[in-house]
Amino acid sequence: MDPAEKRPKIVPRQQIEDTLVVPDKEILMIPMDAAFANPPELFKKLESKRSWFTGHFYKCLPLVFGNQHGFALLSPSSFVVRWNGQDGLDALSIHILEPEPGYQHLVVSSHFGSGILTLQSRYIFRTAPGVNLMVKEPPNYPIDGFSWMNAVVETDNLRRDFTFNIKITRPHQDIYVPKGTPVGCLVPYPRFFLDDYKMTELKDEVELNKARVTANYFGEDRARYGSLGQDYRYMEGVDVFGCPFKEHQKTLDSGAWWDSRQEDLNKEKLQDDLPEGKEE
């Protein structure tokens, strides 16, 4: 028998019906104690830019779009973590370098062993019916030695907190995490969204030939124009034949970032059109 089955079940002193109504398109943060109300910047909606991106990266809409997917958990303190390679809880050493004044809004601990760093915020998250939260890595915020453990939580049903967990992949090495670093990410995710998907190979000969010819045209476009060809077609939402994409989404900010790139794009096109060896 599982030892946990021998434990007496908790019987609440009262029944509390779940009457909370979460509006669509919202994630409610519920402080677990009054002391955690009005927190400092602990979560933020992700933006398109990354400090380590060069201008070349921003020509790739899938990367820019991916940057914006989710709400990042920010470390309120700087800390250093070191794993000795063993499985015990004490195998992970954690040193908080700049403790939060007063209450801790984020607890950093070794809770599971096996070199897993556990982050526990002081909040419960609730979503509208049918919406889960995917717990994952902050997109394009790499930390050497960290591998985030992804999870999907039924936050429309769950009425308690949950943790963010990171597997340490580099034993015997100090890993420094500065204050304000994104250390987790939440993404709303409709329940059952993936369940009925499957991956199949295209067999229709007519469509297969069209797909291959079209891909070759895209390849020629890329080879001839580089980033001024295919990459910007994708940004503009047109294919190699000039046909517009249906319901093209440029960025999560309704295209504001891409609109700001138009002046730079026009300069690059002008420079590309000048005779070789000449500058504007």
C-alpha atoms as a PDB file:
ATOM      1  CA  MET A   1       0.000   0.000   0.000  1.00  0.00           C
ATOM      2  CA  ASP A   2       1.167   3.485  -0.832  1.00  0.00           C
ATOM      3  CA  PRO A   3       2.173   5.226   2.443  1.00  0.00           C
ATOM      4  CA  ALA A   4       0.134   8.213   1.333  1.00  0.00           C
ATOM      5  CA  GLU A   5      -3.004   6.055   1.425  1.00  0.00           C
ATOM      6  CA  LYS A   6      -2.539   5.506   5.163  1.00  0.00           C
ATOM      7  CA  ARG A   7      -2.771   9.201   5.904  1.00  0.00           C
ATOM      8  CA  PRO A   8      -6.160  10.398   7.068  1.00  0.00           C
ATOM      9  CA  LYS A   9      -7.930  12.555   4.537  1.00  0.00           C
ATOM     10  CA  ILE A  10      -8.442  16.193   5.383  1.00  0.00           C
ATOM     11  CA  VAL A  11     -12.073  17.048   6.001  1.00  0.00           C
ATOM     12  CA  PRO A  12     -12.667  20.800   5.614  1.00  0.00           C
ATOM     13  CA  ARG A  13     -14.636  22.395   8.420  1.00  0.00           C
ATOM     14  CA  GLN A  14     -16.952  23.934   5.844  1.00  0.00           C
ATOM     15  CA  GLN A  15     -17.917  23.451   2.215  1.00  0.00           C
ATOM     16  CA  ILE A  16     -16.963  26.404  -0.005  1.00  0.00           C
ATOM     17  CA  GLU A  17     -18.581  26.374  -3.423  1.00  0.00           C
ATOM     18  CA  ASP A  18     -16.505  27.558  -6.358  1.00  0.00           C
ATOM     19  CA  THR A  19     -18.459  30.652  -7.400  1.00  0.00           C
ATOM     20  CA  LEU A  20     -15.544  32.591  -8.867  1.00  0.00           C
ATOM     21  CA  VAL A  21     -16.294  33.936 -12.338  1.00  0.00           C
ATOM     22  CA  VAL A  22     -13.176  34.589 -14.405  1.00  0.00           C
ATOM     23  CA  PRO A  23     -13.746  36.839 -17.417  1.00  0.00           C
ATOM     24  CA  ASP A  24     -12.709  35.573 -20.821  1.00  0.00           C
ATOM     25  CA  LYS A  25      -9.187  36.528 -21.883  1.00  0.00           C
ATOM     26  CA  GLU A  26      -8.057  37.102 -18.299  1.00  0.00           C
ATOM     27  CA  ILE A  27      -5.759  35.298 -15.889  1.00  0.00           C
ATOM     28  CA  LEU A  28      -6.655  36.142 -12.312  1.00  0.00           C
ATOM     29  CA  MET A  29      -3.820  36.347  -9.773  1.00  0.00           C
ATOM     30  CA  ILE A  30      -5.083  35.580  -6.285  1.00  0.00           C
ATOM     31  CA  PRO A  31      -2.682  36.494  -3.425  1.00  0.00           C
ATOM     32  CA  MET A  32      -2.477  33.640  -0.927  1.00  0.00           C
ATOM     33  CA  ASP A  33      -2.221  36.178   1.881  1.00  0.00           C
ATOM     34  CA  ALA A  34      -3.050  39.859   2.214  1.00  0.00           C
ATOM     35  CA  ALA A  35       0.668  40.550   2.550  1.00  0.00           C
ATOM     36  CA  PHE A  36       1.148  39.605  -1.107  1.00  0.00           C
ATOM     37  CA  ALA A  37      -1.433  41.993  -2.531  1.00  0.00           C
ATOM     38  CA  ASN A  38      -0.132  44.620  -4.961  1.00  0.00           C
ATOM     39  CA  PRO A  39       3.135  42.796  -5.673  1.00  0.00           C
ATOM     40  CA  PRO A  40       6.182  44.356  -7.305  1.00  0.00           C
ATOM     41  CA  GLU A  41       6.634  43.480 -10.971  1.00  0.00           C
ATOM     42  CA  LEU A  42       6.541  39.702 -10.681  1.00  0.00           C
ATOM     43  CA  PHE A  43       4.777  38.858 -13.942  1.00  0.00           C
ATOM     44  CA  LYS A  44       4.822  40.748 -17.218  1.00  0.00           C
ATOM     45  CA  LYS A  45       3.354  40.165 -20.631  1.00  0.00           C
ATOM     46  CA  LEU A  46       6.217  39.297 -22.927  1.00  0.00           C
ATOM     47  CA  GLU A  47       7.434  41.777 -25.537  1.00  0.00           C
ATOM     48  CA  SER A  48       8.984  41.378 -28.979  1.00  0.00           C
ATOM     49  CA  LYS A  49      12.559  42.422 -28.136  1.00  0.00           C
ATOM     50  CA  ARG A  50      15.435  40.481 -26.574  1.00  0.00           C
ATOM     51  CA  SER A  51      18.670  42.100 -25.425  1.00  0.00           C
ATOM     52  CA  TRP A  52      20.797  39.505 -27.215  1.00  0.00           C
ATOM     53  CA  PHE A  53      18.977  39.771 -30.565  1.00  0.00           C
ATOM     54  CA  THR A  54      20.770  41.559 -33.387  1.00  0.00           C
ATOM     55  CA  GLY A  55      18.867  43.335 -36.149  1.00  0.00           C
ATOM     56  CA  HIS A  56      19.009  40.172 -38.242  1.00  0.00           C
ATOM     57  CA  PHE A  57      16.840  38.261 -35.773  1.00  0.00           C
ATOM     58  CA  TYR A  58      14.058  40.831 -36.039  1.00  0.00           C
ATOM     59  CA  LYS A  59      13.666  40.088 -39.732  1.00  0.00           C
ATOM     60  CA  CYS A  60      12.208  36.712 -38.725  1.00  0.00           C
ATOM     61  CA  LEU A  61       8.540  37.114 -37.843  1.00  0.00           C
ATOM     62  CA  PRO A  62       8.215  33.634 -36.255  1.00  0.00           C
ATOM     63  CA  LEU A  63      10.954  34.554 -33.747  1.00  0.00           C
ATOM     64  CA  VAL A  64       9.482  37.981 -32.983  1.00  0.00           C
ATOM     65  CA  PHE A  65       6.014  36.454 -32.659  1.00  0.00           C
ATOM     66  CA  GLY A  66       7.348  33.669 -30.446  1.00  0.00           C
ATOM     67  CA  ASN A  67       9.021  36.212 -28.165  1.00  0.00           C
ATOM     68  CA  GLN A  68       5.604  37.598 -27.242  1.00  0.00           C
ATOM     69  CA  HIS A  69       3.874  34.362 -26.317  1.00  0.00           C
ATOM     70  CA  GLY A  70       3.076  34.284 -22.643  1.00  0.00           C
ATOM     71  CA  PHE A  71       3.425  36.026 -19.301  1.00  0.00           C
ATOM     72  CA  ALA A  72       6.910  35.846 -17.785  1.00  0.00           C
ATOM     73  CA  LEU A  73       7.652  35.176 -14.123  1.00  0.00           C
ATOM     74  CA  LEU A  74      10.482  37.514 -13.075  1.00  0.00           C
ATOM     75  CA  SER A  75      12.897  36.694 -10.307  1.00  0.00           C
ATOM     76  CA  PRO A  76      12.472  39.326  -7.557  1.00  0.00           C
ATOM     77  CA  SER A  77      15.975  38.558  -6.262  1.00  0.00           C
ATOM     78  CA  SER A  78      19.374  37.663  -7.629  1.00  0.00           C
ATOM     79  CA  PHE A  79      20.484  34.155  -6.699  1.00  0.00           C
ATOM     80  CA  VAL A  80      23.073  31.478  -7.413  1.00  0.00           C
ATOM     81  CA  VAL A  81      22.261  27.776  -7.652  1.00  0.00           C
ATOM     82  CA  ARG A  82      24.677  24.829  -7.749  1.00  0.00           C
ATOM     83  CA  TRP A  83      23.898  21.112  -8.116  1.00  0.00           C
ATOM     84  CA  ASN A  84      26.372  18.424  -7.017  1.00  0.00           C
ATOM     85  CA  GLY A  85      24.940  15.811  -9.393  1.00  0.00           C
ATOM     86  CA  GLN A  86      23.180  13.727  -6.724  1.00  0.00           C
ATOM     87  CA  ASP A  87      19.436  13.073  -6.267  1.00  0.00           C
ATOM     88  CA  GLY A  88      18.896  14.219  -2.674  1.00  0.00           C
ATOM     89  CA  LEU A  89      17.144  17.429  -1.666  1.00  0.00           C
ATOM     90  CA  ASP A  90      20.415  18.676  -0.175  1.00  0.00           C
ATOM     91  CA  ALA A  91      22.227  18.174  -3.495  1.00  0.00           C
ATOM     92  CA  LEU A  92      21.074  21.602  -4.627  1.00  0.00           C
ATOM     93  CA  SER A  93      22.637  24.677  -3.026  1.00  0.00           C
ATOM     94  CA  ILE A  94      20.755  27.976  -3.362  1.00  0.00           C
ATOM     95  CA  HIS A  95      22.126  31.340  -2.299  1.00  0.00           C
ATOM     96  CA  ILE A  96      19.833  34.382  -2.433  1.00  0.00           C
ATOM     97  CA  LEU A  97      22.089  37.379  -3.051  1.00  0.00           C
ATOM     98  CA  GLU A  98      19.526  40.172  -2.818  1.00  0.00           C
ATOM     99  CA  PRO A  99      16.659  39.015  -0.579  1.00  0.00           C
ATOM    100  CA  GLU A 100      13.346  40.756  -1.023  1.00  0.00           C
ATOM    101  CA  PRO A 101      12.619  43.225   1.752  1.00  0.00           C
ATOM    102  CA  GLY A 102       9.771  41.895   3.878  1.00  0.00           C
ATOM    103  CA  TYR A 103       7.792  39.007   2.474  1.00  0.00           C
ATOM    104  CA  GLN A 104       9.051  36.668  -0.236  1.00  0.00           C
ATOM    105  CA  HIS A 105       6.845  36.793  -3.317  1.00  0.00           C
ATOM    106  CA  LEU A 106       8.771  33.907  -4.853  1.00  0.00           C
ATOM    107  CA  VAL A 107      10.223  30.993  -2.889  1.00  0.00           C
ATOM    108  CA  VAL A 108      13.235  29.308  -4.519  1.00  0.00           C
ATOM    109  CA  SER A 109      13.937  25.836  -3.149  1.00  0.00           C
ATOM    110  CA  SER A 110      14.990  22.227  -3.680  1.00  0.00           C
ATOM    111  CA  HIS A 111      11.652  20.461  -3.283  1.00  0.00           C
ATOM    112  CA  PHE A 112      11.778  17.365  -5.499  1.00  0.00           C
ATOM    113  CA  GLY A 113      15.457  16.419  -5.568  1.00  0.00           C
ATOM    114  CA  SER A 114      17.164  15.110  -8.739  1.00  0.00           C
ATOM    115  CA  GLY A 115      18.680  18.518  -9.415  1.00  0.00           C
ATOM    116  CA  ILE A 116      15.314  20.232  -9.827  1.00  0.00           C
ATOM    117  CA  LEU A 117      15.002  23.890  -8.852  1.00  0.00           C
ATOM    118  CA  THR A 118      11.475  24.718  -7.680  1.00  0.00           C
ATOM    119  CA  LEU A 119       9.976  28.209  -7.829  1.00  0.00           C
ATOM    120  CA  GLN A 120       6.773  28.812  -5.914  1.00  0.00           C
ATOM    121  CA  SER A 121       4.954  32.104  -6.195  1.00  0.00           C
ATOM    122  CA  ARG A 122       2.519  33.239  -3.531  1.00  0.00           C
ATOM    123  CA  TYR A 123      -0.396  33.307  -5.941  1.00  0.00           C
ATOM    124  CA  ILE A 124      -3.208  31.131  -7.183  1.00  0.00           C
ATOM    125  CA  PHE A 125      -4.014  31.489 -10.884  1.00  0.00           C
ATOM    126  CA  ARG A 126      -7.514  31.028 -12.262  1.00  0.00           C
ATOM    127  CA  THR A 127      -8.751  31.079 -15.848  1.00  0.00           C
ATOM    128  CA  ALA A 128     -12.112  31.031 -17.612  1.00  0.00           C
ATOM    129  CA  PRO A 129     -13.862  27.675 -18.170  1.00  0.00           C
ATOM    130  CA  GLY A 130     -12.071  25.415 -20.623  1.00  0.00           C
ATOM    131  CA  VAL A 131      -8.754  27.290 -20.445  1.00  0.00           C
ATOM    132  CA  ASN A 132      -5.598  25.689 -19.041  1.00  0.00           C
ATOM    133  CA  LEU A 133      -2.280  27.359 -18.321  1.00  0.00           C
ATOM    134  CA  MET A 134       0.833  25.921 -19.930  1.00  0.00           C
ATOM    135  CA  VAL A 135       3.813  26.314 -17.598  1.00  0.00           C
ATOM    136  CA  LYS A 136       7.000  26.511 -19.654  1.00  0.00           C
ATOM    137  CA  GLU A 137      10.296  28.206 -20.358  1.00  0.00           C
ATOM    138  CA  PRO A 138      10.342  31.950 -21.125  1.00  0.00           C
ATOM    139  CA  PRO A 139      10.686  32.038 -24.933  1.00  0.00           C
ATOM    140  CA  ASN A 140      14.157  33.036 -26.130  1.00  0.00           C
ATOM    141  CA  TYR A 141      15.487  33.837 -22.660  1.00  0.00           C
ATOM    142  CA  PRO A 142      18.193  31.139 -22.423  1.00  0.00           C
ATOM    143  CA  ILE A 143      20.011  30.390 -19.164  1.00  0.00           C
ATOM    144  CA  ASP A 144      22.961  28.034 -19.532  1.00  0.00           C
ATOM    145  CA  GLY A 145      22.443  24.992 -17.309  1.00  0.00           C
ATOM    146  CA  PHE A 146      18.638  25.348 -17.053  1.00  0.00           C
ATOM    147  CA  SER A 147      16.093  23.093 -18.766  1.00  0.00           C
ATOM    148  CA  TRP A 148      12.529  24.052 -17.902  1.00  0.00           C
ATOM    149  CA  MET A 149      10.011  21.335 -17.057  1.00  0.00           C
ATOM    150  CA  ASN A 150       6.811  22.016 -18.983  1.00  0.00           C
ATOM    151  CA  ALA A 151       3.406  21.338 -17.481  1.00  0.00           C
ATOM    152  CA  VAL A 152      -0.247  22.035 -18.274  1.00  0.00           C
ATOM    153  CA  VAL A 153      -2.537  22.961 -15.374  1.00  0.00           C
ATOM    154  CA  GLU A 154      -6.361  23.057 -15.309  1.00  0.00           C
ATOM    155  CA  THR A 155      -6.485  26.490 -13.748  1.00  0.00           C
ATOM    156  CA  ASP A 156     -10.205  26.840 -14.396  1.00  0.00           C
ATOM    157  CA  ASN A 157     -10.679  24.025 -11.861  1.00  0.00           C
ATOM    158  CA  LEU A 158      -7.635  24.089  -9.571  1.00  0.00           C
ATOM    159  CA  ARG A 159      -8.146  26.236  -6.487  1.00  0.00           C
ATOM    160  CA  ARG A 160      -4.618  26.177  -5.127  1.00  0.00           C
ATOM    161  CA  ASP A 161      -1.117  27.200  -6.170  1.00  0.00           C
ATOM    162  CA  PHE A 162       1.345  25.248  -8.321  1.00  0.00           C
ATOM    163  CA  THR A 163       5.094  25.403  -8.901  1.00  0.00           C
ATOM    164  CA  PHE A 164       7.496  26.246 -11.700  1.00  0.00           C
ATOM    165  CA  ASN A 165      10.283  23.662 -11.986  1.00  0.00           C
ATOM    166  CA  ILE A 166      13.668  23.751 -13.698  1.00  0.00           C
ATOM    167  CA  LYS A 167      16.020  20.800 -14.218  1.00  0.00           C
ATOM    168  CA  ILE A 168      19.652  21.725 -13.689  1.00  0.00           C
ATOM    169  CA  THR A 169      21.721  20.211 -16.511  1.00  0.00           C
ATOM    170  CA  ARG A 170      25.233  21.325 -15.515  1.00  0.00           C
ATOM    171  CA  PRO A 171      26.377  19.814 -12.212  1.00  0.00           C
ATOM    172  CA  HIS A 172      29.263  21.313 -10.222  1.00  0.00           C
ATOM    173  CA  GLN A 173      28.753  24.731 -11.764  1.00  0.00           C
ATOM    174  CA  ASP A 174      27.479  27.968 -10.234  1.00  0.00           C
ATOM    175  CA  ILE A 175      24.512  29.328 -12.193  1.00  0.00           C
ATOM    176  CA  TYR A 176      23.868  33.016 -11.575  1.00  0.00           C
ATOM    177  CA  VAL A 177      20.378  34.439 -12.086  1.00  0.00           C
ATOM    178  CA  PRO A 178      20.172  38.269 -11.888  1.00  0.00           C
ATOM    179  CA  LYS A 179      17.188  40.022 -10.356  1.00  0.00           C
ATOM    180  CA  GLY A 180      14.446  40.603 -12.936  1.00  0.00           C
ATOM    181  CA  THR A 181      15.403  37.591 -15.056  1.00  0.00           C
ATOM    182  CA  PRO A 182      12.448  35.711 -16.587  1.00  0.00           C
ATOM    183  CA  VAL A 183      12.493  32.310 -14.852  1.00  0.00           C
ATOM    184  CA  GLY A 184       9.124  30.929 -15.925  1.00  0.00           C
ATOM    185  CA  CYS A 185       6.258  31.533 -18.316  1.00  0.00           C
ATOM    186  CA  LEU A 186       2.481  31.049 -18.382  1.00  0.00           C
ATOM    187  CA  VAL A 187       0.571  30.634 -21.646  1.00  0.00           C
ATOM    188  CA  PRO A 188      -3.245  30.273 -21.810  1.00  0.00           C
ATOM    189  CA  TYR A 189      -4.076  27.032 -23.601  1.00  0.00           C
ATOM    190  CA  PRO A 190      -7.586  25.801 -24.537  1.00  0.00           C
ATOM    191  CA  ARG A 191      -8.317  22.375 -23.111  1.00  0.00           C
ATOM    192  CA  PHE A 192      -8.456  19.512 -25.645  1.00  0.00           C
ATOM    193  CA  PHE A 193      -6.821  21.767 -28.260  1.00  0.00           C
ATOM    194  CA  LEU A 194      -4.141  19.232 -29.194  1.00  0.00           C
ATOM    195  CA  ASP A 195      -6.035  16.010 -28.512  1.00  0.00           C
ATOM    196  CA  ASP A 196      -7.391  15.311 -31.996  1.00  0.00           C
ATOM    197  CA  TYR A 197      -4.409  16.531 -33.980  1.00  0.00           C
ATOM    198  CA  LYS A 198      -2.287  14.034 -35.895  1.00  0.00           C
ATOM    199  CA  MET A 199       0.640  14.266 -38.296  1.00  0.00           C
ATOM    200  CA  THR A 200       0.292  12.682 -41.725  1.00  0.00           C
ATOM    201  CA  GLU A 201       2.240  12.655 -44.994  1.00  0.00           C
ATOM    202  CA  LEU A 202       0.721  14.307 -48.069  1.00  0.00           C
ATOM    203  CA  LYS A 203      -0.027  11.652 -50.715  1.00  0.00           C
ATOM    204  CA  ASP A 204      -2.191  13.517 -53.242  1.00  0.00           C
ATOM    205  CA  GLU A 205       0.055  13.704 -56.334  1.00  0.00           C
ATOM    206  CA  VAL A 206      -1.431  16.941 -57.684  1.00  0.00           C
ATOM    207  CA  GLU A 207      -1.122  18.814 -54.389  1.00  0.00           C
ATOM    208  CA  LEU A 208       2.265  17.226 -53.728  1.00  0.00           C
ATOM    209  CA  ASN A 209       3.643  18.552 -57.026  1.00  0.00           C
ATOM    210  CA  LYS A 210       2.201  22.021 -56.434  1.00  0.00           C
ATOM    211  CA  ALA A 211       3.721  22.113 -52.955  1.00  0.00           C
ATOM    212  CA  ARG A 212       7.163  21.103 -54.217  1.00  0.00           C
ATOM    213  CA  VAL A 213       7.181  23.582 -57.111  1.00  0.00           C
ATOM    214  CA  THR A 214       6.028  26.385 -54.820  1.00  0.00           C
ATOM    215  CA  ALA A 215       8.721  25.528 -52.254  1.00  0.00           C
ATOM    216  CA  ASN A 216      11.329  25.675 -55.019  1.00  0.00           C
ATOM    217  CA  TYR A 217      10.143  29.152 -55.983  1.00  0.00           C
ATOM    218  CA  PHE A 218      10.511  30.218 -52.368  1.00  0.00           C
ATOM    219  CA  GLY A 219      14.010  28.736 -52.372  1.00  0.00           C
ATOM    220  CA  GLU A 220      14.964  30.746 -55.451  1.00  0.00           C
ATOM    221  CA  ASP A 221      13.516  33.856 -53.834  1.00  0.00           C
ATOM    222  CA  ARG A 222      15.567  33.309 -50.693  1.00  0.00           C
ATOM    223  CA  ALA A 223      18.768  32.600 -52.640  1.00  0.00           C
ATOM    224  CA  ARG A 224      18.392  35.738 -54.774  1.00  0.00           C
ATOM    225  CA  TYR A 225      17.187  38.293 -52.258  1.00  0.00           C
ATOM    226  CA  GLY A 226      18.106  36.850 -48.860  1.00  0.00           C
ATOM    227  CA  SER A 227      16.352  38.630 -46.020  1.00  0.00           C
ATOM    228  CA  LEU A 228      14.809  41.153 -48.421  1.00  0.00           C
ATOM    229  CA  GLY A 229      12.975  38.378 -50.211  1.00  0.00           C
ATOM    230  CA  GLN A 230      11.213  35.546 -48.484  1.00  0.00           C
ATOM    231  CA  ASP A 231      11.610  36.855 -44.933  1.00  0.00           C
ATOM    232  CA  TYR A 232       9.868  40.113 -45.719  1.00  0.00           C
ATOM    233  CA  ARG A 233       7.191  38.410 -47.779  1.00  0.00           C
ATOM    234  CA  TYR A 234       6.315  36.473 -44.652  1.00  0.00           C
ATOM    235  CA  MET A 235       6.303  39.683 -42.625  1.00  0.00           C
ATOM    236  CA  GLU A 236       3.969  41.342 -45.106  1.00  0.00           C
ATOM    237  CA  GLY A 237       1.766  38.259 -45.266  1.00  0.00           C
ATOM    238  CA  VAL A 238       2.106  37.402 -48.965  1.00  0.00           C
ATOM    239  CA  ASP A 239       3.444  34.288 -50.647  1.00  0.00           C
ATOM    240  CA  VAL A 240       5.960  34.119 -53.505  1.00  0.00           C
ATOM    241  CA  PHE A 241       3.119  34.600 -56.014  1.00  0.00           C
ATOM    242  CA  GLY A 242       1.952  37.786 -54.259  1.00  0.00           C
ATOM    243  CA  CYS A 243      -1.167  36.126 -52.819  1.00  0.00           C
ATOM    244  CA  PRO A 244      -2.079  37.508 -49.354  1.00  0.00           C
ATOM    245  CA  PHE A 245      -2.199  35.202 -46.354  1.00  0.00           C
ATOM    246  CA  LYS A 246      -5.626  34.751 -44.792  1.00  0.00           C
ATOM    247  CA  GLU A 247      -5.983  36.403 -41.375  1.00  0.00           C
ATOM    248  CA  HIS A 248      -2.260  37.181 -41.268  1.00  0.00           C
ATOM    249  CA  GLN A 249      -1.031  38.075 -37.786  1.00  0.00           C
ATOM    250  CA  LYS A 250       2.126  40.143 -37.724  1.00  0.00           C
ATOM    251  CA  THR A 251       2.669  40.401 -33.982  1.00  0.00           C
ATOM    252  CA  LEU A 252       0.641  40.190 -30.794  1.00  0.00           C
ATOM    253  CA  ASP A 253       0.694  43.983 -30.599  1.00  0.00           C
ATOM    254  CA  SER A 254      -1.490  44.212 -33.750  1.00  0.00           C
ATOM    255  CA  GLY A 255       1.495  44.884 -35.964  1.00  0.00           C
ATOM    256  CA  ALA A 256       2.834  47.961 -34.185  1.00  0.00           C
ATOM    257  CA  TRP A 257       6.355  46.550 -34.067  1.00  0.00           C
ATOM    258  CA  TRP A 258       6.302  45.593 -37.739  1.00  0.00           C
ATOM    259  CA  ASP A 259       4.954  49.009 -38.727  1.00  0.00           C
ATOM    260  CA  SER A 260       7.934  50.558 -36.946  1.00  0.00           C
ATOM    261  CA  ARG A 261      10.241  48.483 -39.166  1.00  0.00           C
ATOM    262  CA  GLN A 262       8.946  49.926 -42.430  1.00  0.00           C
ATOM    263  CA  GLU A 263      11.396  52.844 -42.555  1.00  0.00           C
ATOM    264  CA  ASP A 264      14.372  50.510 -42.008  1.00  0.00           C
ATOM    265  CA  LEU A 265      13.007  48.096 -44.611  1.00  0.00           C
ATOM    266  CA  ASN A 266      12.641  50.851 -47.217  1.00  0.00           C
ATOM    267  CA  LYS A 267      16.253  51.949 -46.614  1.00  0.00           C
ATOM    268  CA  GLU A 268      17.499  48.391 -47.024  1.00  0.00           C
ATOM    269  CA  LYS A 269      15.578  47.952 -50.272  1.00  0.00           C
ATOM    270  CA  LEU A 270      16.911  51.249 -51.606  1.00  0.00           C
ATOM    271  CA  GLN A 271      20.469  50.240 -50.750  1.00  0.00           C
ATOM    272  CA  ASP A 272      19.944  46.855 -52.416  1.00  0.00           C
ATOM    273  CA  ASP A 273      18.774  48.527 -55.640  1.00  0.00           C
ATOM    274  CA  LEU A 274      21.878  50.727 -55.975  1.00  0.00           C
ATOM    275  CA  PRO A 275      24.578  49.658 -58.472  1.00  0.00           C
ATOM    276  CA  GLU A 276      27.280  47.469 -56.946  1.00  0.00           C
ATOM    277  CA  GLY A 277      30.048  49.440 -55.265  1.00  0.00           C
ATOM    278  CA  LYS A 278      27.937  52.570 -54.793  1.00  0.00           C
ATOM    279  CA  GLU A 279      26.273  53.896 -51.676  1.00  0.00           C
ATOM    280  CA  GLU A 280      23.431  56.306 -51.210  1.00  0.00           C
END
